[in-house]
Amino acid sequence: MKLIILIIIAIIMDATLHPALAESDIKACIKFQRQDYSWSHAYAVRGFTISGYDLNRFAREKGYKAHYSSYSTYFIVPWDNGGYISLDIGSSYVPSYEKIVTDQNNINWKIKEGWNYCD
């Protein structure tokens, strides 16, 4: 787990040096699915997108193992406590309307672009 967090921190730092690697500071509204299949309250978050290919390449260059789909795009949300989630959004853009996606632990999330009606 610590290795994954180090990868994400390194990507965030490297993305500021190489803007083509990741699109940063995207506002999104996300909710996770609880074990009882209900949805959590909404979180207004900031994150960035990165292709699975670039995410794998970057991790391997740094000596880490990564198993992200090369043909997908991931929305990375770093948490204040040092954790993160990587949501497989599939396309190059965060969806305008709520879409169900999965994270690196196969937990379902709803995601939509922006903070409007994020409740």
Protein backbone atom coordinates (compact mmCIF):
# COMPACT_ATOMS: atom_id res chain seq x y z
CA MET A 1 0.00 0.00 0.00
CA LYS A 2 2.81 2.39 0.84
CA LEU A 3 4.34 1.62 -2.57
CA ILE A 4 1.13 2.63 -4.33
CA ILE A 5 0.94 5.88 -2.36
CA LEU A 6 4.54 6.65 -3.30
CA ILE A 7 3.71 6.04 -6.97
CA ILE A 8 0.77 8.44 -6.82
CA ILE A 9 2.81 11.12 -5.04
CA ALA A 10 5.58 10.72 -7.61
CA ILE A 11 3.05 11.00 -10.46
CA ILE A 12 1.57 14.17 -8.99
CA MET A 13 5.02 15.69 -8.63
CA ASP A 14 6.10 14.52 -12.10
CA ALA A 15 2.87 15.77 -13.67
CA THR A 16 3.75 19.29 -12.57
CA LEU A 17 7.05 18.92 -14.41
CA HIS A 18 5.52 17.20 -17.46
CA PRO A 19 2.03 18.66 -18.11
CA ALA A 20 1.49 16.32 -21.07
CA LEU A 21 1.56 13.34 -18.71
CA ALA A 22 -1.56 14.30 -16.78
CA GLU A 23 -4.34 16.84 -16.93
CA SER A 24 -4.44 18.34 -13.45
CA ASP A 25 -6.91 20.13 -11.21
CA ILE A 26 -10.18 18.72 -12.50
CA LYS A 27 -13.22 19.24 -10.28
CA ALA A 28 -15.47 16.22 -9.85
CA CYS A 29 -18.27 14.94 -7.64
CA ILE A 30 -17.91 11.34 -6.45
CA LYS A 31 -19.83 8.85 -4.25
CA PHE A 32 -18.90 5.31 -3.28
CA GLN A 33 -21.19 2.30 -3.01
CA ARG A 34 -21.48 0.89 0.50
CA GLN A 35 -21.61 -2.82 1.30
CA ASP A 36 -25.40 -2.58 1.65
CA TYR A 37 -25.49 -1.22 -1.97
CA SER A 38 -26.57 2.26 -0.89
CA TRP A 39 -24.51 5.28 -1.93
CA SER A 40 -22.43 7.52 0.32
CA HIS A 41 -22.85 11.26 0.50
CA ALA A 42 -21.14 13.14 -2.32
CA TYR A 43 -17.55 14.37 -2.14
CA ALA A 44 -16.49 17.48 -4.08
CA VAL A 45 -12.92 16.60 -5.07
CA ARG A 46 -10.06 17.74 -7.25
CA GLY A 47 -8.01 15.23 -9.19
CA PHE A 48 -6.27 14.60 -12.46
CA THR A 49 -6.56 12.24 -15.41
CA ILE A 50 -3.83 10.02 -16.78
CA SER A 51 -3.85 7.25 -19.36
CA GLY A 52 -3.31 3.70 -18.16
CA TYR A 53 -0.40 3.44 -20.59
CA ASP A 54 1.33 6.48 -19.06
CA LEU A 55 0.50 5.34 -15.53
CA ASN A 56 2.05 1.90 -16.16
CA ARG A 57 5.06 3.37 -17.96
CA PHE A 58 5.72 5.89 -15.19
CA ALA A 59 5.43 3.25 -12.46
CA ARG A 60 7.75 0.84 -14.28
CA GLU A 61 10.33 3.58 -14.88
CA LYS A 62 10.33 4.14 -11.12
CA GLY A 63 10.74 0.40 -10.46
CA TYR A 64 7.17 -0.36 -9.35
CA LYS A 65 4.76 -3.00 -10.63
CA ALA A 66 1.58 -1.62 -12.14
CA HIS A 67 -1.37 -3.42 -13.71
CA TYR A 68 -3.54 -0.63 -15.11
CA SER A 69 -5.36 -1.13 -18.41
CA SER A 70 -3.23 0.58 -21.06
CA TYR A 71 -6.30 1.58 -23.07
CA SER A 72 -8.20 3.21 -20.20
CA THR A 73 -8.00 6.63 -18.63
CA TYR A 74 -7.84 6.98 -14.85
CA PHE A 75 -9.03 9.80 -12.63
CA ILE A 76 -6.70 10.02 -9.64
CA VAL A 77 -7.97 11.63 -6.41
CA PRO A 78 -5.33 12.20 -3.74
CA TRP A 79 -6.86 12.38 -0.24
CA ASP A 80 -5.66 14.81 2.44
CA ASN A 81 -4.64 11.90 4.70
CA GLY A 82 -2.16 10.61 2.13
CA GLY A 83 -4.42 8.00 0.53
CA TYR A 84 -5.85 8.07 -2.96
CA ILE A 85 -8.27 6.42 -5.34
CA SER A 86 -7.77 5.71 -9.02
CA LEU A 87 -11.05 5.52 -10.89
CA ASP A 88 -11.15 3.83 -14.30
CA ILE A 89 -13.25 6.37 -16.22
CA GLY A 90 -12.58 4.66 -19.56
CA SER A 91 -12.54 7.78 -21.74
CA SER A 92 -10.34 10.85 -21.90
CA TYR A 93 -12.84 13.02 -20.05
CA VAL A 94 -14.62 12.92 -16.72
CA PRO A 95 -18.28 12.26 -17.61
CA SER A 96 -20.73 15.18 -17.55
CA TYR A 97 -23.45 13.01 -16.00
CA GLU A 98 -23.12 10.46 -13.20
CA LYS A 99 -21.41 7.30 -14.35
CA ILE A 100 -20.62 4.19 -12.30
CA VAL A 101 -16.91 3.31 -12.39
CA THR A 102 -14.59 1.12 -10.30
CA ASP A 103 -11.46 1.94 -8.33
CA GLN A 104 -8.22 0.00 -7.86
CA ASN A 105 -9.94 -2.14 -5.17
CA ASN A 106 -13.01 -2.95 -7.33
CA ILE A 107 -15.27 -0.65 -5.30
CA ASN A 108 -18.03 1.04 -7.30
CA TRP A 109 -18.11 4.83 -7.44
CA LYS A 110 -20.35 7.35 -9.14
CA ILE A 111 -18.49 10.21 -10.78
CA LYS A 112 -19.48 13.33 -12.67
CA GLU A 113 -17.61 16.42 -13.76
CA GLY A 114 -17.86 19.60 -11.67
CA TRP A 115 -19.27 20.44 -8.28
CA ASN A 116 -22.76 21.58 -9.33
CA TYR A 117 -25.46 19.62 -7.48
CA CYS A 118 -22.81 17.69 -5.57
CA ASP A 119 -24.88 16.71 -2.52
